[in-house]
Amino acid sequence: MAKITYIEHNGTEHVVEVANGLTVMEGARDNNIPGIEADCGGACACSTCHVYVHPDWAEKLPKMDAMEEDMLDFAFEPDMSRSRLTCQIKVTDAMEGLVVQMPEKQI
């Protein structure tokens, strides 16, 4: 289990524990965190779970695959150095303290 901080675009922080094996998107959904819509349910078929990973974490997460990279083209204002789709990030103990910030909107 890992404590993850989700920061809404307006700065509101939500710190929740997310079980190993779930995705960062599922952690947001299960804890009613606003700002992550996850319209496709985690199939990497949309970009509505887009976040900006805190710079300290950008290099610590597993690399994104080509499918995630392609879907980020549809995200609102992606920053390819920090943007990720939360449905593609599986939670492990090593993610203790992960911080992600939601964009202004999801598209």
N, C-alpha and C. Protein backbone atom coordinates (compact mmCIF):
# COMPACT_ATOMS: atom_id res chain seq x y z
N MET A 1 0.84 -1.18 0.00
CA MET A 1 0.00 0.00 0.00
C MET A 1 0.89 1.23 0.00
N ALA A 2 0.42 2.28 -0.70
CA ALA A 2 1.19 3.51 -0.79
C ALA A 2 0.28 4.71 -0.58
N LYS A 3 0.79 5.71 0.14
CA LYS A 3 0.08 6.97 0.27
C LYS A 3 0.38 7.79 -0.97
N ILE A 4 -0.68 8.23 -1.63
CA ILE A 4 -0.56 9.03 -2.84
C ILE A 4 -1.27 10.35 -2.60
N THR A 5 -0.64 11.44 -3.03
CA THR A 5 -1.25 12.75 -2.93
C THR A 5 -1.76 13.16 -4.30
N TYR A 6 -3.06 13.41 -4.37
CA TYR A 6 -3.72 13.91 -5.57
C TYR A 6 -4.01 15.39 -5.32
N ILE A 7 -3.58 16.24 -6.23
CA ILE A 7 -3.80 17.67 -6.08
C ILE A 7 -4.73 18.13 -7.21
N GLU A 8 -5.87 18.66 -6.82
CA GLU A 8 -6.80 19.20 -7.79
C GLU A 8 -6.18 20.44 -8.43
N HIS A 9 -6.72 20.84 -9.57
CA HIS A 9 -6.18 22.01 -10.27
C HIS A 9 -6.24 23.26 -9.39
N ASN A 10 -7.24 23.33 -8.50
CA ASN A 10 -7.38 24.50 -7.63
C ASN A 10 -6.47 24.45 -6.40
N GLY A 11 -5.67 23.38 -6.28
CA GLY A 11 -4.72 23.26 -5.18
C GLY A 11 -5.18 22.39 -4.02
N THR A 12 -6.44 21.96 -4.02
CA THR A 12 -6.94 21.10 -2.95
C THR A 12 -6.21 19.76 -3.00
N GLU A 13 -5.66 19.34 -1.87
CA GLU A 13 -4.91 18.08 -1.79
C GLU A 13 -5.73 16.99 -1.14
N HIS A 14 -5.57 15.78 -1.67
CA HIS A 14 -6.19 14.59 -1.11
C HIS A 14 -5.09 13.55 -0.94
N VAL A 15 -4.82 13.13 0.28
CA VAL A 15 -3.82 12.11 0.54
C VAL A 15 -4.57 10.84 0.92
N VAL A 16 -4.38 9.79 0.11
CA VAL A 16 -5.10 8.54 0.34
C VAL A 16 -4.14 7.36 0.23
N GLU A 17 -4.50 6.28 0.90
CA GLU A 17 -3.74 5.04 0.76
C GLU A 17 -4.38 4.23 -0.35
N VAL A 18 -3.54 3.74 -1.24
CA VAL A 18 -4.00 2.95 -2.38
C VAL A 18 -3.32 1.59 -2.31
N ALA A 19 -4.11 0.55 -2.43
CA ALA A 19 -3.58 -0.81 -2.33
C ALA A 19 -2.69 -1.16 -3.51
N ASN A 20 -1.66 -1.94 -3.23
CA ASN A 20 -0.78 -2.44 -4.29
C ASN A 20 -1.61 -3.21 -5.31
N GLY A 21 -1.24 -3.05 -6.56
CA GLY A 21 -1.92 -3.75 -7.64
C GLY A 21 -3.02 -2.94 -8.29
N LEU A 22 -3.56 -1.97 -7.56
CA LEU A 22 -4.53 -1.06 -8.18
C LEU A 22 -3.75 -0.04 -8.99
N THR A 23 -4.45 0.69 -9.83
CA THR A 23 -3.80 1.78 -10.55
C THR A 23 -4.03 3.08 -9.80
N VAL A 24 -3.23 4.07 -10.13
CA VAL A 24 -3.40 5.39 -9.53
C VAL A 24 -4.79 5.92 -9.86
N MET A 25 -5.31 5.61 -11.04
CA MET A 25 -6.67 6.00 -11.43
C MET A 25 -7.71 5.32 -10.54
N GLU A 26 -7.54 4.05 -10.26
CA GLU A 26 -8.49 3.34 -9.40
C GLU A 26 -8.46 3.90 -7.99
N GLY A 27 -7.29 4.31 -7.53
CA GLY A 27 -7.18 4.94 -6.22
C GLY A 27 -7.99 6.22 -6.15
N ALA A 28 -7.95 7.01 -7.22
CA ALA A 28 -8.73 8.25 -7.27
C ALA A 28 -10.22 7.93 -7.33
N ARG A 29 -10.58 7.00 -8.17
CA ARG A 29 -12.00 6.63 -8.32
C ARG A 29 -12.56 6.08 -7.01
N ASP A 30 -11.84 5.18 -6.38
CA ASP A 30 -12.32 4.54 -5.16
C ASP A 30 -12.42 5.49 -3.98
N ASN A 31 -11.70 6.61 -4.06
CA ASN A 31 -11.70 7.59 -2.97
C ASN A 31 -12.42 8.89 -3.35
N ASN A 32 -13.16 8.83 -4.45
CA ASN A 32 -13.97 9.97 -4.90
C ASN A 32 -13.17 11.25 -5.05
N ILE A 33 -11.98 11.13 -5.63
CA ILE A 33 -11.13 12.29 -5.88
C ILE A 33 -11.62 12.98 -7.15
N PRO A 34 -12.01 14.25 -7.07
CA PRO A 34 -12.45 14.94 -8.29
C PRO A 34 -11.27 15.26 -9.20
N GLY A 35 -11.56 15.30 -10.50
CA GLY A 35 -10.54 15.71 -11.47
C GLY A 35 -10.00 14.59 -12.32
N ILE A 36 -10.30 13.35 -11.96
CA ILE A 36 -9.92 12.21 -12.79
C ILE A 36 -11.22 11.52 -13.19
N GLU A 37 -11.58 11.65 -14.46
CA GLU A 37 -12.87 11.14 -14.92
C GLU A 37 -12.83 9.67 -15.30
N ALA A 38 -11.76 9.23 -15.93
CA ALA A 38 -11.58 7.81 -16.30
C ALA A 38 -12.76 7.27 -17.10
N ASP A 39 -13.11 7.97 -18.16
CA ASP A 39 -14.27 7.59 -18.98
C ASP A 39 -14.18 6.18 -19.56
N CYS A 40 -12.98 5.72 -19.88
CA CYS A 40 -12.85 4.39 -20.50
C CYS A 40 -12.67 3.29 -19.47
N GLY A 41 -12.64 3.64 -18.20
CA GLY A 41 -12.54 2.63 -17.15
C GLY A 41 -11.16 2.04 -16.97
N GLY A 42 -10.17 2.63 -17.58
CA GLY A 42 -8.81 2.15 -17.39
C GLY A 42 -8.25 1.36 -18.55
N ALA A 43 -8.89 1.45 -19.72
CA ALA A 43 -8.46 0.68 -20.88
C ALA A 43 -7.44 1.40 -21.75
N CYS A 44 -6.98 2.57 -21.31
CA CYS A 44 -6.03 3.39 -22.08
C CYS A 44 -6.62 3.72 -23.45
N ALA A 45 -7.93 4.04 -23.44
CA ALA A 45 -8.63 4.37 -24.68
C ALA A 45 -9.12 5.81 -24.69
N CYS A 46 -8.73 6.59 -23.70
CA CYS A 46 -9.07 8.01 -23.65
C CYS A 46 -7.95 8.70 -22.88
N SER A 47 -8.13 9.97 -22.60
CA SER A 47 -7.10 10.68 -21.83
C SER A 47 -7.69 11.37 -20.62
N THR A 48 -8.83 10.88 -20.13
CA THR A 48 -9.54 11.57 -19.05
C THR A 48 -9.04 11.21 -17.65
N CYS A 49 -7.91 10.53 -17.57
CA CYS A 49 -7.27 10.29 -16.28
C CYS A 49 -5.86 10.89 -16.27
N HIS A 50 -5.66 11.87 -17.13
CA HIS A 50 -4.38 12.55 -17.29
C HIS A 50 -4.00 13.33 -16.03
N VAL A 51 -2.75 13.23 -15.63
CA VAL A 51 -2.20 14.02 -14.52
C VAL A 51 -0.80 14.47 -14.88
N TYR A 52 -0.32 15.43 -14.08
CA TYR A 52 1.08 15.84 -14.12
C TYR A 52 1.74 15.24 -12.89
N VAL A 53 2.74 14.41 -13.10
CA VAL A 53 3.49 13.80 -12.01
C VAL A 53 4.47 14.83 -11.47
N HIS A 54 4.57 14.89 -10.14
CA HIS A 54 5.53 15.82 -9.52
C HIS A 54 6.92 15.55 -10.12
N PRO A 55 7.70 16.59 -10.41
CA PRO A 55 9.02 16.40 -11.02
C PRO A 55 9.92 15.40 -10.29
N ASP A 56 9.81 15.33 -8.97
CA ASP A 56 10.63 14.38 -8.21
C ASP A 56 10.30 12.94 -8.56
N TRP A 57 9.12 12.69 -9.12
CA TRP A 57 8.66 11.33 -9.42
C TRP A 57 8.74 10.98 -10.90
N ALA A 58 8.93 11.94 -11.74
CA ALA A 58 8.87 11.69 -13.19
C ALA A 58 9.78 10.57 -13.65
N GLU A 59 10.97 10.48 -13.10
CA GLU A 59 11.92 9.45 -13.52
C GLU A 59 11.82 8.17 -12.69
N LYS A 60 11.08 8.20 -11.59
CA LYS A 60 10.98 7.03 -10.72
C LYS A 60 9.91 6.05 -11.15
N LEU A 61 8.94 6.53 -11.92
CA LEU A 61 7.84 5.66 -12.35
C LEU A 61 8.28 4.80 -13.53
N PRO A 62 7.62 3.65 -13.71
CA PRO A 62 7.92 2.85 -14.89
C PRO A 62 7.67 3.67 -16.16
N LYS A 63 8.46 3.43 -17.16
CA LYS A 63 8.34 4.15 -18.42
C LYS A 63 6.98 3.88 -19.06
N MET A 64 6.46 4.89 -19.75
CA MET A 64 5.19 4.69 -20.44
C MET A 64 5.42 3.91 -21.73
N ASP A 65 4.37 3.17 -22.11
CA ASP A 65 4.47 2.44 -23.37
C ASP A 65 3.93 3.31 -24.51
N ALA A 66 4.04 2.83 -25.72
CA ALA A 66 3.65 3.61 -26.89
C ALA A 66 2.17 3.95 -26.90
N MET A 67 1.33 3.05 -26.42
CA MET A 67 -0.11 3.30 -26.40
C MET A 67 -0.45 4.49 -25.48
N GLU A 68 0.16 4.52 -24.29
CA GLU A 68 -0.08 5.64 -23.38
C GLU A 68 0.44 6.93 -24.00
N GLU A 69 1.60 6.88 -24.59
CA GLU A 69 2.17 8.07 -25.21
C GLU A 69 1.26 8.61 -26.31
N ASP A 70 0.70 7.71 -27.12
CA ASP A 70 -0.23 8.11 -28.18
C ASP A 70 -1.50 8.75 -27.60
N MET A 71 -2.04 8.19 -26.52
CA MET A 71 -3.26 8.73 -25.93
C MET A 71 -3.02 10.09 -25.30
N LEU A 72 -1.83 10.37 -24.84
CA LEU A 72 -1.53 11.68 -24.26
C LEU A 72 -1.64 12.80 -25.29
N ASP A 73 -1.57 12.45 -26.58
CA ASP A 73 -1.77 13.46 -27.62
C ASP A 73 -3.16 14.08 -27.52
N PHE A 74 -4.11 13.37 -26.91
CA PHE A 74 -5.49 13.84 -26.80
C PHE A 74 -5.77 14.52 -25.46
N ALA A 75 -4.79 14.55 -24.58
CA ALA A 75 -4.97 15.14 -23.25
C ALA A 75 -4.93 16.67 -23.34
N PHE A 76 -5.50 17.30 -22.31
CA PHE A 76 -5.48 18.77 -22.23
C PHE A 76 -4.09 19.22 -21.78
N GLU A 77 -3.44 20.01 -22.61
CA GLU A 77 -2.13 20.59 -22.33
C GLU A 77 -1.12 19.60 -21.74
N PRO A 78 -0.80 18.52 -22.49
CA PRO A 78 0.18 17.57 -21.97
C PRO A 78 1.58 18.18 -21.88
N ASP A 79 2.30 17.72 -20.89
CA ASP A 79 3.70 18.09 -20.69
C ASP A 79 4.45 16.76 -20.73
N MET A 80 5.09 16.47 -21.83
CA MET A 80 5.65 15.14 -22.02
C MET A 80 6.76 14.79 -21.03
N SER A 81 7.22 15.74 -20.26
CA SER A 81 8.20 15.41 -19.23
C SER A 81 7.52 14.96 -17.94
N ARG A 82 6.21 15.29 -17.77
CA ARG A 82 5.53 14.97 -16.52
C ARG A 82 4.14 14.35 -16.70
N SER A 83 3.57 14.42 -17.89
CA SER A 83 2.22 13.91 -18.09
C SER A 83 2.18 12.39 -18.10
N ARG A 84 1.17 11.85 -17.44
CA ARG A 84 0.93 10.41 -17.44
C ARG A 84 -0.57 10.16 -17.39
N LEU A 85 -0.97 8.98 -17.84
CA LEU A 85 -2.34 8.51 -17.66
C LEU A 85 -2.34 7.62 -16.43
N THR A 86 -3.16 7.97 -15.45
CA THR A 86 -3.13 7.25 -14.17
C THR A 86 -3.62 5.81 -14.30
N CYS A 87 -4.34 5.50 -15.36
CA CYS A 87 -4.79 4.11 -15.54
C CYS A 87 -3.63 3.19 -15.89
N GLN A 88 -2.51 3.76 -16.25
CA GLN A 88 -1.36 2.97 -16.67
C GLN A 88 -0.26 2.88 -15.60
N ILE A 89 -0.53 3.39 -14.41
CA ILE A 89 0.46 3.36 -13.34
C ILE A 89 -0.03 2.45 -12.23
N LYS A 90 0.55 1.26 -12.13
CA LYS A 90 0.20 0.31 -11.08
C LYS A 90 0.90 0.69 -9.79
N VAL A 91 0.14 0.67 -8.71
CA VAL A 91 0.67 1.06 -7.40
C VAL A 91 1.49 -0.07 -6.79
N THR A 92 2.65 0.29 -6.24
CA THR A 92 3.52 -0.62 -5.49
C THR A 92 3.98 0.13 -4.23
N ASP A 93 4.58 -0.59 -3.32
CA ASP A 93 5.13 0.05 -2.12
C ASP A 93 6.13 1.15 -2.48
N ALA A 94 6.81 0.99 -3.60
CA ALA A 94 7.83 1.96 -4.01
C ALA A 94 7.22 3.32 -4.37
N MET A 95 5.90 3.38 -4.49
CA MET A 95 5.24 4.64 -4.85
C MET A 95 4.78 5.43 -3.64
N GLU A 96 5.21 5.01 -2.46
CA GLU A 96 4.89 5.75 -1.24
C GLU A 96 5.30 7.21 -1.40
N GLY A 97 4.33 8.13 -1.26
CA GLY A 97 4.63 9.55 -1.37
C GLY A 97 4.45 10.15 -2.75
N LEU A 98 4.00 9.34 -3.71
CA LEU A 98 3.77 9.85 -5.07
C LEU A 98 2.82 11.04 -5.02
N VAL A 99 3.13 12.06 -5.81
CA VAL A 99 2.30 13.26 -5.91
C VAL A 99 1.94 13.49 -7.37
N VAL A 100 0.62 13.62 -7.62
CA VAL A 100 0.15 13.90 -8.97
C VAL A 100 -0.81 15.09 -8.91
N GLN A 101 -0.79 15.89 -9.97
CA GLN A 101 -1.68 17.06 -10.03
C GLN A 101 -2.54 16.96 -11.28
N MET A 102 -3.83 17.25 -11.08
CA MET A 102 -4.76 17.19 -12.19
C MET A 102 -4.65 18.45 -13.05
N PRO A 103 -4.89 18.30 -14.34
CA PRO A 103 -4.91 19.48 -15.21
C PRO A 103 -6.18 20.30 -14.96
N GLU A 104 -6.27 21.44 -15.62
CA GLU A 104 -7.44 22.30 -15.47
C GLU A 104 -8.73 21.57 -15.85
N LYS A 105 -8.64 20.72 -16.87
CA LYS A 105 -9.81 19.94 -17.29
C LYS A 105 -9.34 18.67 -17.98
N GLN A 106 -10.25 17.73 -18.11
CA GLN A 106 -9.98 16.49 -18.83
C GLN A 106 -10.77 16.54 -20.15
N ILE A 107 -10.15 16.06 -21.21
CA ILE A 107 -10.86 16.03 -22.50
C ILE A 107 -10.68 14.67 -23.15
